C-alpha atoms as a PDB file:
ATOM      1  CA  UNK A   1     -12.286 -11.811  -2.656  1.00  0.00           C
ATOM      2  CA  UNK A   2      -9.490 -12.731  -0.274  1.00  0.00           C
ATOM      3  CA  UNK A   3      -7.142 -10.441  -1.876  1.00  0.00           C
ATOM      4  CA  UNK A   4      -9.497  -7.820  -1.950  1.00  0.00           C
ATOM      5  CA  UNK A   5      -9.863  -7.961   2.093  1.00  0.00           C
ATOM      6  CA  UNK A   6      -5.970  -7.905   1.954  1.00  0.00           C
ATOM      7  CA  UNK A   7      -5.763  -4.875   0.082  1.00  0.00           C
ATOM      8  CA  UNK A   8      -8.584  -3.034   2.154  1.00  0.00           C
ATOM      9  CA  UNK A   9      -6.661  -3.987   5.421  1.00  0.00           C
ATOM     10  CA  UNK A  10      -3.355  -2.428   3.761  1.00  0.00           C
ATOM     11  CA  UNK A  11      -4.900   0.539   2.769  1.00  0.00           C
ATOM     12  CA  UNK A  12      -6.600   1.316   6.031  1.00  0.00           C
ATOM     13  CA  UNK A  13      -3.529   0.578   7.585  1.00  0.00           C
ATOM     14  CA  UNK A  14      -0.991   2.612   5.894  1.00  0.00           C
ATOM     15  CA  UNK A  15      -2.580   4.793   3.348  1.00  0.00           C
ATOM     16  CA  UNK A  16      -2.513   7.952   5.647  1.00  0.00           C
ATOM     17  CA  UNK A  17       0.873   7.362   6.773  1.00  0.00           C
ATOM     18  CA  UNK A  18       2.357   6.965   3.293  1.00  0.00           C
ATOM     19  CA  UNK A  19       0.380   9.983   2.189  1.00  0.00           C
ATOM     20  CA  UNK A  20       1.919  12.286   4.760  1.00  0.00           C
ATOM     21  CA  UNK A  21       5.407  10.806   4.170  1.00  0.00           C
ATOM     22  CA  UNK A  22       5.027  11.470   0.552  1.00  0.00           C
ATOM     23  CA  UNK A  23       3.839  14.780   1.135  1.00  0.00           C
ATOM     24  CA  UNK A  24       6.830  15.565   3.340  1.00  0.00           C
ATOM     25  CA  UNK A  25       9.075  14.286   0.696  1.00  0.00           C
ATOM     26  CA  UNK A  26       7.648  15.973  -2.417  1.00  0.00           C
ATOM     27  CA  UNK A  27       5.982  19.133  -0.659  1.00  0.00           C
ATOM     28  CA  UNK A  28       2.880  18.812  -3.033  1.00  0.00           C
ATOM     29  CA  UNK A  29      -0.451  17.462  -1.733  1.00  0.00           C
ATOM     30  CA  UNK A  30      -1.479  16.588  -5.462  1.00  0.00           C
ATOM     31  CA  UNK A  31       1.749  14.513  -6.021  1.00  0.00           C
ATOM     32  CA  UNK A  32       1.726  12.848  -2.719  1.00  0.00           C
ATOM     33  CA  UNK A  33      -2.062  11.730  -3.392  1.00  0.00           C
ATOM     34  CA  UNK A  34      -1.127  10.539  -6.889  1.00  0.00           C
ATOM     35  CA  UNK A  35       1.813   8.527  -5.671  1.00  0.00           C
ATOM     36  CA  UNK A  36      -0.321   6.992  -2.779  1.00  0.00           C
ATOM     37  CA  UNK A  37      -2.954   6.051  -5.494  1.00  0.00           C
ATOM     38  CA  UNK A  38      -0.109   4.664  -7.531  1.00  0.00           C
ATOM     39  CA  UNK A  39       1.262   2.523  -4.769  1.00  0.00           C
ATOM     40  CA  UNK A  40      -1.808   0.867  -4.087  1.00  0.00           C
ATOM     41  CA  UNK A  41      -2.602   0.275  -7.805  1.00  0.00           C
ATOM     42  CA  UNK A  42       0.593  -1.523  -7.802  1.00  0.00           C
ATOM     43  CA  UNK A  43      -0.257  -3.334  -4.612  1.00  0.00           C
ATOM     44  CA  UNK A  44      -3.412  -4.443  -6.160  1.00  0.00           C
ATOM     45  CA  UNK A  45      -1.659  -5.800  -9.051  1.00  0.00           C
ATOM     46  CA  UNK A  46       0.787  -7.662  -7.004  1.00  0.00           C
ATOM     47  CA  UNK A  47      -1.824  -9.108  -4.876  1.00  0.00           C
ATOM     48  CA  UNK A  48      -3.751 -10.462  -7.811  1.00  0.00           C
ATOM     49  CA  UNK A  49      -0.774 -12.215  -9.043  1.00  0.00           C
ATOM     50  CA  UNK A  50       0.180 -13.893  -5.883  1.00  0.00           C
ATOM     51  CA  UNK A  51      -1.154 -17.291  -5.075  1.00  0.00           C
ATOM     52  CA  UNK A  52      -3.726 -17.319  -2.412  1.00  0.00           C
ATOM     53  CA  UNK A  53      -1.678 -19.222   0.192  1.00  0.00           C
ATOM     54  CA  UNK A  54       1.207 -16.662  -0.089  1.00  0.00           C
ATOM     55  CA  UNK A  55       1.905 -15.134   3.321  1.00  0.00           C
ATOM     56  CA  UNK A  56       3.944 -11.802   3.213  1.00  0.00           C
ATOM     57  CA  UNK A  57       5.793 -12.018   6.365  1.00  0.00           C
ATOM     58  CA  UNK A  58       8.644  -9.837   5.583  1.00  0.00           C
ATOM     59  CA  UNK A  59       6.515  -7.154   3.971  1.00  0.00           C
ATOM     60  CA  UNK A  60       4.551  -6.553   7.163  1.00  0.00           C
ATOM     61  CA  UNK A  61       7.569  -6.432   9.250  1.00  0.00           C
ATOM     62  CA  UNK A  62       9.215  -3.835   6.768  1.00  0.00           C
ATOM     63  CA  UNK A  63       6.334  -1.880   6.416  1.00  0.00           C
ATOM     64  CA  UNK A  64       5.779  -1.637  10.240  1.00  0.00           C
ATOM     65  CA  UNK A  65       9.086  -0.583  10.905  1.00  0.00           C
END
């Protein structure tokens, strides 16, 4: 449940920005949408594999740059 909340927060914070970044790179709304979805699928898998005590300090700093 805690990981689901983390993923929801990551999605709310970064999905729109990521989508528009990928749209600019690809020039294709459909491809940008697919890549955004794939990114969050992979994030979900990664979060499920992390111990619940893991704190992704570096990830947040890089993502916020």
